Amino acid sequence: MAIYLLIGPSGSGKTTACEIISQESEIKIFDLDKVLKEKIGGSLSAFHLQNGDQALFDLSKEAILDIEQNSKSKTIIVVGAGSINLDSSHKWYTEKQLIALTGNEEKIYDRGNRKKFHPSLQAYINAEFSPSRKNLYQKSKLCIDVTDKTPEGIANELIDFVNNTPNS
């Protein structure tokens, strides 16, 4: 069955859209951050701080491959922004069926209340819209501009894409 990895900057609506999808369709949803927290039995940010980007990517990759092996239906895996920090991981990610949510940096920053994670808009843009992340977003099978879309609109676009794309 088809597995899609949903990526995008924090605050773009990945989790919210997937909550709607899980209620309105048969598409299976996995939140990679939740899967990883269960796997390590603790805080993902503490794990990341202690072990670094490579360890987080390795853990993420292992979890994604486990989900792929056990999936019997169309599946979307919400990939947390920290899992795609490592530039060298981008080749692996681009071999997957990526869907990216992106859009106007300032609107996403304000809408997602990112101030608790990034003290300024510029810090947010530097982290979430870095050139390497933008490159990864652009290499996605589908890139949705969420700037003026509601969570329901984003969810509907994702459902349509997943249900109308042949399995690969």
N, C-alpha and C. Protein backbone atom coordinates (compact mmCIF):
# COMPACT_ATOMS: atom_id res chain seq x y z
N MET A 1 0.83 -1.19 0.00
CA MET A 1 0.00 0.00 0.00
C MET A 1 0.87 1.25 0.00
N ALA A 2 0.28 2.34 -0.41
CA ALA A 2 1.02 3.60 -0.52
C ALA A 2 1.24 4.24 0.85
N ILE A 3 2.47 4.68 1.06
CA ILE A 3 2.86 5.38 2.27
C ILE A 3 3.34 6.77 1.86
N TYR A 4 2.81 7.79 2.51
CA TYR A 4 3.19 9.16 2.23
C TYR A 4 3.79 9.77 3.49
N LEU A 5 4.85 10.53 3.32
CA LEU A 5 5.46 11.24 4.43
C LEU A 5 5.07 12.70 4.30
N LEU A 6 4.40 13.22 5.32
CA LEU A 6 3.94 14.61 5.32
C LEU A 6 4.95 15.45 6.07
N ILE A 7 5.55 16.41 5.36
CA ILE A 7 6.57 17.27 5.94
C ILE A 7 6.12 18.72 5.82
N GLY A 8 6.80 19.59 6.52
CA GLY A 8 6.53 21.02 6.44
C GLY A 8 6.98 21.69 7.71
N PRO A 9 7.06 23.00 7.68
CA PRO A 9 7.50 23.73 8.87
C PRO A 9 6.52 23.56 10.01
N SER A 10 7.01 23.69 11.23
CA SER A 10 6.12 23.62 12.37
C SER A 10 5.11 24.76 12.25
N GLY A 11 3.85 24.44 12.56
CA GLY A 11 2.78 25.42 12.45
C GLY A 11 2.06 25.41 11.12
N SER A 12 2.51 24.57 10.18
CA SER A 12 1.88 24.56 8.85
C SER A 12 0.56 23.81 8.81
N GLY A 13 0.26 23.05 9.85
CA GLY A 13 -1.03 22.37 9.92
C GLY A 13 -0.99 20.87 9.69
N LYS A 14 0.18 20.28 9.75
CA LYS A 14 0.31 18.84 9.49
C LYS A 14 -0.55 18.02 10.46
N THR A 15 -0.38 18.25 11.73
CA THR A 15 -1.10 17.47 12.74
C THR A 15 -2.60 17.74 12.70
N THR A 16 -2.98 19.00 12.60
CA THR A 16 -4.39 19.35 12.58
C THR A 16 -5.09 18.74 11.37
N ALA A 17 -4.50 18.87 10.19
CA ALA A 17 -5.10 18.29 8.99
C ALA A 17 -5.23 16.77 9.12
N CYS A 18 -4.23 16.13 9.69
CA CYS A 18 -4.27 14.67 9.81
C CYS A 18 -5.27 14.21 10.86
N GLU A 19 -5.54 15.02 11.87
CA GLU A 19 -6.61 14.69 12.81
C GLU A 19 -7.95 14.67 12.08
N ILE A 20 -8.16 15.61 11.19
CA ILE A 20 -9.39 15.65 10.39
C ILE A 20 -9.44 14.45 9.46
N ILE A 21 -8.33 14.15 8.80
CA ILE A 21 -8.27 13.00 7.88
C ILE A 21 -8.63 11.71 8.60
N SER A 22 -8.11 11.53 9.81
CA SER A 22 -8.37 10.28 10.53
C SER A 22 -9.85 10.13 10.89
N GLN A 23 -10.57 11.23 10.99
CA GLN A 23 -12.00 11.18 11.30
C GLN A 23 -12.87 11.05 10.06
N GLU A 24 -12.35 11.48 8.90
CA GLU A 24 -13.18 11.57 7.70
C GLU A 24 -12.80 10.60 6.59
N SER A 25 -11.80 9.77 6.80
CA SER A 25 -11.40 8.85 5.73
C SER A 25 -10.85 7.56 6.33
N GLU A 26 -10.54 6.64 5.43
CA GLU A 26 -9.97 5.35 5.83
C GLU A 26 -8.43 5.40 5.83
N ILE A 27 -7.86 6.55 5.53
CA ILE A 27 -6.40 6.69 5.49
C ILE A 27 -5.86 6.57 6.90
N LYS A 28 -4.87 5.72 7.07
CA LYS A 28 -4.23 5.52 8.37
C LYS A 28 -3.23 6.64 8.61
N ILE A 29 -3.21 7.18 9.83
CA ILE A 29 -2.32 8.29 10.18
C ILE A 29 -1.39 7.87 11.31
N PHE A 30 -0.12 8.19 11.14
CA PHE A 30 0.86 8.00 12.20
C PHE A 30 1.56 9.34 12.44
N ASP A 31 1.66 9.75 13.68
CA ASP A 31 2.44 10.93 14.05
C ASP A 31 3.81 10.42 14.47
N LEU A 32 4.82 10.67 13.64
CA LEU A 32 6.15 10.11 13.88
C LEU A 32 6.70 10.54 15.23
N ASP A 33 6.46 11.79 15.64
CA ASP A 33 6.96 12.24 16.94
C ASP A 33 6.39 11.37 18.08
N LYS A 34 5.10 11.06 18.01
CA LYS A 34 4.49 10.19 19.04
C LYS A 34 5.07 8.79 19.01
N VAL A 35 5.26 8.26 17.81
CA VAL A 35 5.86 6.92 17.66
C VAL A 35 7.26 6.91 18.27
N LEU A 36 8.04 7.96 17.99
CA LEU A 36 9.42 8.02 18.51
C LEU A 36 9.44 8.17 20.03
N LYS A 37 8.54 8.98 20.57
CA LYS A 37 8.47 9.14 22.03
C LYS A 37 8.19 7.81 22.71
N GLU A 38 7.28 7.04 22.13
CA GLU A 38 6.99 5.71 22.68
C GLU A 38 8.21 4.81 22.57
N LYS A 39 8.90 4.89 21.45
CA LYS A 39 10.07 4.05 21.19
C LYS A 39 11.20 4.31 22.19
N ILE A 40 11.43 5.59 22.51
CA ILE A 40 12.53 5.92 23.42
C ILE A 40 12.06 6.01 24.87
N GLY A 41 10.75 6.07 25.07
CA GLY A 41 10.21 6.13 26.43
C GLY A 41 10.49 7.45 27.12
N GLY A 42 10.48 8.54 26.37
CA GLY A 42 10.75 9.83 27.00
C GLY A 42 10.64 10.98 26.03
N SER A 43 11.28 12.05 26.38
CA SER A 43 11.21 13.30 25.63
C SER A 43 12.03 13.23 24.35
N LEU A 44 11.40 13.57 23.25
CA LEU A 44 12.08 13.58 21.97
C LEU A 44 13.09 14.72 21.90
N SER A 45 12.74 15.88 22.45
CA SER A 45 13.69 17.01 22.41
C SER A 45 14.92 16.71 23.26
N ALA A 46 14.73 16.04 24.40
CA ALA A 46 15.89 15.65 25.22
C ALA A 46 16.76 14.65 24.48
N PHE A 47 16.13 13.68 23.82
CA PHE A 47 16.87 12.71 23.03
C PHE A 47 17.68 13.42 21.94
N HIS A 48 17.03 14.37 21.25
CA HIS A 48 17.67 15.10 20.16
C HIS A 48 18.84 15.92 20.69
N LEU A 49 18.64 16.62 21.80
CA LEU A 49 19.73 17.43 22.38
C LEU A 49 20.91 16.56 22.78
N GLN A 50 20.63 15.41 23.36
CA GLN A 50 21.69 14.53 23.85
C GLN A 50 22.39 13.79 22.73
N ASN A 51 21.64 13.40 21.68
CA ASN A 51 22.19 12.51 20.67
C ASN A 51 22.42 13.13 19.29
N GLY A 52 21.78 14.25 19.02
CA GLY A 52 22.02 14.97 17.76
C GLY A 52 21.12 14.56 16.61
N ASP A 53 21.31 15.29 15.50
CA ASP A 53 20.48 15.11 14.31
C ASP A 53 20.61 13.72 13.71
N GLN A 54 21.82 13.18 13.64
CA GLN A 54 22.01 11.87 13.01
C GLN A 54 21.25 10.78 13.76
N ALA A 55 21.33 10.79 15.07
CA ALA A 55 20.62 9.79 15.86
C ALA A 55 19.11 9.94 15.71
N LEU A 56 18.63 11.19 15.65
CA LEU A 56 17.20 11.41 15.45
C LEU A 56 16.77 10.91 14.07
N PHE A 57 17.56 11.18 13.05
CA PHE A 57 17.24 10.68 11.72
C PHE A 57 17.24 9.16 11.70
N ASP A 58 18.27 8.53 12.28
CA ASP A 58 18.34 7.06 12.30
C ASP A 58 17.13 6.46 12.98
N LEU A 59 16.73 7.04 14.11
CA LEU A 59 15.55 6.57 14.83
C LEU A 59 14.28 6.77 13.99
N SER A 60 14.18 7.92 13.35
CA SER A 60 13.03 8.23 12.49
C SER A 60 12.95 7.26 11.32
N LYS A 61 14.08 7.04 10.67
CA LYS A 61 14.12 6.13 9.52
C LYS A 61 13.68 4.73 9.92
N GLU A 62 14.18 4.26 11.04
CA GLU A 62 13.82 2.93 11.54
C GLU A 62 12.30 2.83 11.78
N ALA A 63 11.74 3.85 12.40
CA ALA A 63 10.31 3.85 12.69
C ALA A 63 9.48 3.91 11.41
N ILE A 64 9.91 4.74 10.45
CA ILE A 64 9.19 4.84 9.17
C ILE A 64 9.22 3.50 8.44
N LEU A 65 10.38 2.85 8.41
CA LEU A 65 10.49 1.54 7.75
C LEU A 65 9.62 0.50 8.44
N ASP A 66 9.53 0.54 9.77
CA ASP A 66 8.64 -0.38 10.51
C ASP A 66 7.19 -0.16 10.11
N ILE A 67 6.78 1.09 10.03
CA ILE A 67 5.39 1.40 9.64
C ILE A 67 5.14 0.92 8.21
N GLU A 68 6.09 1.18 7.32
CA GLU A 68 5.94 0.73 5.93
C GLU A 68 5.76 -0.78 5.84
N GLN A 69 6.55 -1.52 6.58
CA GLN A 69 6.49 -2.98 6.53
C GLN A 69 5.16 -3.52 7.04
N ASN A 70 4.55 -2.82 7.98
CA ASN A 70 3.34 -3.33 8.61
C ASN A 70 2.05 -2.70 8.09
N SER A 71 2.17 -1.78 7.16
CA SER A 71 0.99 -1.07 6.67
C SER A 71 0.23 -1.91 5.65
N LYS A 72 -1.08 -1.95 5.84
CA LYS A 72 -1.94 -2.68 4.93
C LYS A 72 -2.96 -1.75 4.27
N SER A 73 -2.81 -0.46 4.49
CA SER A 73 -3.72 0.50 3.89
C SER A 73 -2.95 1.77 3.55
N LYS A 74 -3.60 2.67 2.83
CA LYS A 74 -2.98 3.95 2.52
C LYS A 74 -2.67 4.65 3.83
N THR A 75 -1.47 5.19 3.93
CA THR A 75 -0.98 5.72 5.19
C THR A 75 -0.27 7.05 4.98
N ILE A 76 -0.51 7.97 5.91
CA ILE A 76 0.25 9.20 5.97
C ILE A 76 1.01 9.21 7.29
N ILE A 77 2.30 9.44 7.21
CA ILE A 77 3.14 9.58 8.40
C ILE A 77 3.50 11.05 8.53
N VAL A 78 3.08 11.68 9.62
CA VAL A 78 3.41 13.07 9.88
C VAL A 78 4.83 13.10 10.44
N VAL A 79 5.74 13.68 9.66
CA VAL A 79 7.15 13.71 10.04
C VAL A 79 7.46 15.04 10.70
N GLY A 80 7.87 15.00 11.96
CA GLY A 80 8.21 16.21 12.68
C GLY A 80 9.38 16.93 12.02
N ALA A 81 9.39 18.23 12.15
CA ALA A 81 10.41 19.04 11.49
C ALA A 81 11.82 18.65 11.90
N GLY A 82 12.03 18.24 13.14
CA GLY A 82 13.37 17.87 13.60
C GLY A 82 13.95 16.67 12.88
N SER A 83 13.08 15.80 12.37
CA SER A 83 13.55 14.60 11.69
C SER A 83 14.17 14.86 10.34
N ILE A 84 13.95 16.06 9.79
CA ILE A 84 14.50 16.36 8.47
C ILE A 84 15.62 17.40 8.52
N ASN A 85 16.18 17.62 9.71
CA ASN A 85 17.23 18.62 9.86
C ASN A 85 18.52 18.28 9.14
N LEU A 86 18.84 17.03 9.07
CA LEU A 86 20.13 16.59 8.57
C LEU A 86 20.14 16.60 7.03
N ASP A 87 20.96 17.46 6.45
CA ASP A 87 21.01 17.57 4.99
C ASP A 87 21.28 16.22 4.33
N SER A 88 22.15 15.43 4.93
CA SER A 88 22.50 14.15 4.33
C SER A 88 21.35 13.15 4.34
N SER A 89 20.31 13.41 5.12
CA SER A 89 19.14 12.52 5.14
C SER A 89 18.19 12.81 3.99
N HIS A 90 18.35 13.96 3.36
CA HIS A 90 17.38 14.38 2.35
C HIS A 90 17.33 13.44 1.15
N LYS A 91 18.43 12.82 0.79
CA LYS A 91 18.41 11.86 -0.32
C LYS A 91 17.46 10.72 0.02
N TRP A 92 17.54 10.21 1.24
CA TRP A 92 16.65 9.12 1.65
C TRP A 92 15.20 9.58 1.61
N TYR A 93 14.94 10.76 2.14
CA TYR A 93 13.57 11.27 2.15
C TYR A 93 13.02 11.48 0.74
N THR A 94 13.84 11.96 -0.19
CA THR A 94 13.34 12.22 -1.53
C THR A 94 13.03 10.93 -2.30
N GLU A 95 13.50 9.82 -1.81
CA GLU A 95 13.16 8.53 -2.42
C GLU A 95 11.80 8.04 -1.94
N LYS A 96 11.23 8.73 -0.98
CA LYS A 96 9.90 8.40 -0.44
C LYS A 96 8.85 9.28 -1.12
N GLN A 97 7.60 8.96 -0.87
CA GLN A 97 6.52 9.77 -1.41
C GLN A 97 6.24 10.91 -0.43
N LEU A 98 6.88 12.04 -0.68
CA LEU A 98 6.75 13.20 0.19
C LEU A 98 5.60 14.09 -0.22
N ILE A 99 4.92 14.62 0.78
CA ILE A 99 3.94 15.67 0.60
C ILE A 99 4.38 16.78 1.55
N ALA A 100 4.46 18.00 1.02
CA ALA A 100 4.92 19.13 1.85
C ALA A 100 3.81 20.16 2.01
N LEU A 101 3.70 20.66 3.22
CA LEU A 101 2.85 21.82 3.49
C LEU A 101 3.80 22.99 3.67
N THR A 102 3.54 24.06 2.98
CA THR A 102 4.40 25.24 3.08
C THR A 102 3.56 26.47 2.77
N GLY A 103 4.19 27.62 2.76
CA GLY A 103 3.45 28.85 2.47
C GLY A 103 4.17 30.06 2.99
N ASN A 104 3.42 31.12 3.21
CA ASN A 104 3.97 32.37 3.68
C ASN A 104 4.51 32.21 5.11
N GLU A 105 5.80 32.46 5.26
CA GLU A 105 6.48 32.22 6.54
C GLU A 105 5.84 32.99 7.69
N GLU A 106 5.55 34.27 7.47
CA GLU A 106 5.00 35.11 8.55
C GLU A 106 3.60 34.65 8.96
N LYS A 107 2.76 34.30 8.00
CA LYS A 107 1.41 33.85 8.33
C LYS A 107 1.43 32.52 9.08
N ILE A 108 2.31 31.62 8.65
CA ILE A 108 2.41 30.33 9.35
C ILE A 108 2.95 30.54 10.76
N TYR A 109 3.94 31.39 10.91
CA TYR A 109 4.51 31.71 12.22
C TYR A 109 3.43 32.25 13.16
N ASP A 110 2.64 33.20 12.68
CA ASP A 110 1.58 33.79 13.51
C ASP A 110 0.47 32.79 13.78
N ARG A 111 0.04 32.08 12.76
CA ARG A 111 -1.07 31.14 12.91
C ARG A 111 -0.71 29.99 13.85
N GLY A 112 0.51 29.54 13.74
CA GLY A 112 0.92 28.39 14.55
C GLY A 112 1.42 28.74 15.93
N ASN A 113 1.38 30.03 16.30
CA ASN A 113 1.88 30.46 17.61
C ASN A 113 3.27 29.90 17.88
N ARG A 114 4.18 30.16 16.98
CA ARG A 114 5.54 29.63 17.06
C ARG A 114 6.42 30.38 18.04
N LYS A 115 5.93 31.46 18.65
CA LYS A 115 6.75 32.28 19.54
C LYS A 115 7.31 31.49 20.72
N LYS A 116 6.60 30.46 21.16
CA LYS A 116 7.11 29.67 22.28
C LYS A 116 8.31 28.81 21.89
N PHE A 117 8.46 28.54 20.58
CA PHE A 117 9.58 27.74 20.10
C PHE A 117 10.68 28.58 19.44
N HIS A 118 10.25 29.65 18.78
CA HIS A 118 11.18 30.54 18.07
C HIS A 118 10.88 31.97 18.52
N PRO A 119 11.80 32.62 19.21
CA PRO A 119 11.53 33.93 19.78
C PRO A 119 11.27 35.04 18.76
N SER A 120 11.67 34.83 17.52
CA SER A 120 11.45 35.86 16.51
C SER A 120 11.07 35.21 15.19
N LEU A 121 10.43 36.00 14.36
CA LEU A 121 10.06 35.52 13.03
C LEU A 121 11.31 35.09 12.27
N GLN A 122 12.39 35.87 12.35
CA GLN A 122 13.60 35.54 11.60
C GLN A 122 14.21 34.22 12.07
N ALA A 123 14.19 33.97 13.38
CA ALA A 123 14.71 32.69 13.89
C ALA A 123 13.87 31.53 13.35
N TYR A 124 12.56 31.74 13.29
CA TYR A 124 11.65 30.72 12.74
C TYR A 124 11.97 30.46 11.28
N ILE A 125 12.09 31.53 10.49
CA ILE A 125 12.39 31.38 9.07
C ILE A 125 13.73 30.67 8.87
N ASN A 126 14.74 31.07 9.64
CA ASN A 126 16.06 30.45 9.52
C ASN A 126 16.00 28.95 9.79
N ALA A 127 15.19 28.54 10.77
CA ALA A 127 15.12 27.13 11.14
C ALA A 127 14.19 26.34 10.22
N GLU A 128 12.99 26.84 10.01
CA GLU A 128 11.95 26.06 9.33
C GLU A 128 11.94 26.22 7.81
N PHE A 129 12.53 27.29 7.31
CA PHE A 129 12.56 27.55 5.88
C PHE A 129 13.99 27.70 5.38
N SER A 130 14.90 26.95 5.97
CA SER A 130 16.30 26.99 5.53
C SER A 130 16.36 26.55 4.07
N PRO A 131 17.41 26.92 3.36
CA PRO A 131 17.51 26.50 1.95
C PRO A 131 17.40 24.98 1.76
N SER A 132 18.00 24.20 2.65
CA SER A 132 17.94 22.75 2.45
C SER A 132 16.53 22.21 2.69
N ARG A 133 15.82 22.77 3.67
CA ARG A 133 14.44 22.34 3.88
C ARG A 133 13.55 22.77 2.73
N LYS A 134 13.74 24.01 2.24
CA LYS A 134 12.95 24.46 1.10
C LYS A 134 13.18 23.53 -0.10
N ASN A 135 14.42 23.12 -0.29
CA ASN A 135 14.75 22.21 -1.37
C ASN A 135 13.99 20.89 -1.20
N LEU A 136 13.95 20.39 0.01
CA LEU A 136 13.22 19.14 0.28
C LEU A 136 11.73 19.33 0.03
N TYR A 137 11.17 20.45 0.49
CA TYR A 137 9.75 20.73 0.25
C TYR A 137 9.47 20.74 -1.25
N GLN A 138 10.35 21.38 -2.02
CA GLN A 138 10.14 21.50 -3.46
C GLN A 138 10.26 20.16 -4.19
N LYS A 139 10.95 19.21 -3.61
CA LYS A 139 11.11 17.89 -4.24
C LYS A 139 9.95 16.94 -3.91
N SER A 140 8.99 17.42 -3.18
CA SER A 140 7.84 16.59 -2.79
C SER A 140 6.95 16.29 -3.99
N LYS A 141 6.24 15.16 -3.90
CA LYS A 141 5.29 14.79 -4.96
C LYS A 141 4.15 15.80 -5.04
N LEU A 142 3.81 16.38 -3.90
CA LEU A 142 2.77 17.40 -3.81
C LEU A 142 3.23 18.43 -2.80
N CYS A 143 3.12 19.69 -3.17
CA CYS A 143 3.45 20.79 -2.26
C CYS A 143 2.22 21.67 -2.15
N ILE A 144 1.65 21.74 -0.96
CA ILE A 144 0.43 22.50 -0.74
C ILE A 144 0.78 23.82 -0.07
N ASP A 145 0.37 24.92 -0.70
CA ASP A 145 0.53 26.24 -0.09
C ASP A 145 -0.63 26.43 0.87
N VAL A 146 -0.32 26.43 2.17
CA VAL A 146 -1.36 26.48 3.21
C VAL A 146 -1.68 27.90 3.66
N THR A 147 -1.07 28.89 3.04
CA THR A 147 -1.17 30.28 3.49
C THR A 147 -2.61 30.69 3.78
N ASP A 148 -3.50 30.47 2.85
CA ASP A 148 -4.88 30.93 3.01
C ASP A 148 -5.88 29.77 3.07
N LYS A 149 -5.41 28.59 3.45
CA LYS A 149 -6.29 27.43 3.52
C LYS A 149 -6.68 27.12 4.96
N THR A 150 -7.87 26.62 5.13
CA THR A 150 -8.32 26.15 6.44
C THR A 150 -7.77 24.75 6.66
N PRO A 151 -7.74 24.27 7.91
CA PRO A 151 -7.32 22.89 8.14
C PRO A 151 -8.19 21.88 7.36
N GLU A 152 -9.48 22.16 7.24
CA GLU A 152 -10.37 21.28 6.48
C GLU A 152 -9.99 21.27 5.00
N GLY A 153 -9.65 22.44 4.46
CA GLY A 153 -9.23 22.52 3.06
C GLY A 153 -7.95 21.75 2.81
N ILE A 154 -7.01 21.86 3.75
CA ILE A 154 -5.74 21.12 3.64
C ILE A 154 -6.02 19.62 3.70
N ALA A 155 -6.86 19.22 4.66
CA ALA A 155 -7.19 17.80 4.82
C ALA A 155 -7.84 17.26 3.55
N ASN A 156 -8.78 18.00 2.98
CA ASN A 156 -9.46 17.55 1.77
C ASN A 156 -8.49 17.39 0.60
N GLU A 157 -7.57 18.32 0.48
CA GLU A 157 -6.57 18.23 -0.59
C GLU A 157 -5.67 17.00 -0.40
N LEU A 158 -5.30 16.73 0.84
CA LEU A 158 -4.49 15.54 1.13
C LEU A 158 -5.26 14.26 0.83
N ILE A 159 -6.52 14.19 1.27
CA ILE A 159 -7.35 13.01 1.02
C ILE A 159 -7.49 12.77 -0.48
N ASP A 160 -7.79 13.83 -1.23
CA ASP A 160 -7.94 13.69 -2.69
C ASP A 160 -6.65 13.16 -3.32
N PHE A 161 -5.52 13.71 -2.92
CA PHE A 161 -4.25 13.29 -3.49
C PHE A 161 -3.96 11.83 -3.16
N VAL A 162 -4.08 11.46 -1.90
CA VAL A 162 -3.76 10.09 -1.49
C VAL A 162 -4.72 9.09 -2.13
N ASN A 163 -5.99 9.40 -2.17
CA ASN A 163 -6.97 8.47 -2.75
C ASN A 163 -6.93 8.39 -4.26
N ASN A 164 -6.36 9.39 -4.92
CA ASN A 164 -6.35 9.41 -6.39
C ASN A 164 -4.98 9.20 -6.99
N THR A 165 -3.99 8.87 -6.17
CA THR A 165 -2.65 8.59 -6.66
C THR A 165 -2.47 7.08 -6.68
N PRO A 166 -2.08 6.52 -7.82
CA PRO A 166 -1.87 5.06 -7.87
C PRO A 166 -0.80 4.63 -6.87
N ASN A 167 -0.99 3.45 -6.31
CA ASN A 167 0.01 2.89 -5.38
C ASN A 167 1.33 2.72 -6.12
N SER A 168 2.42 2.97 -5.37
CA SER A 168 3.72 2.75 -6.00
C SER A 168 4.54 1.81 -5.20
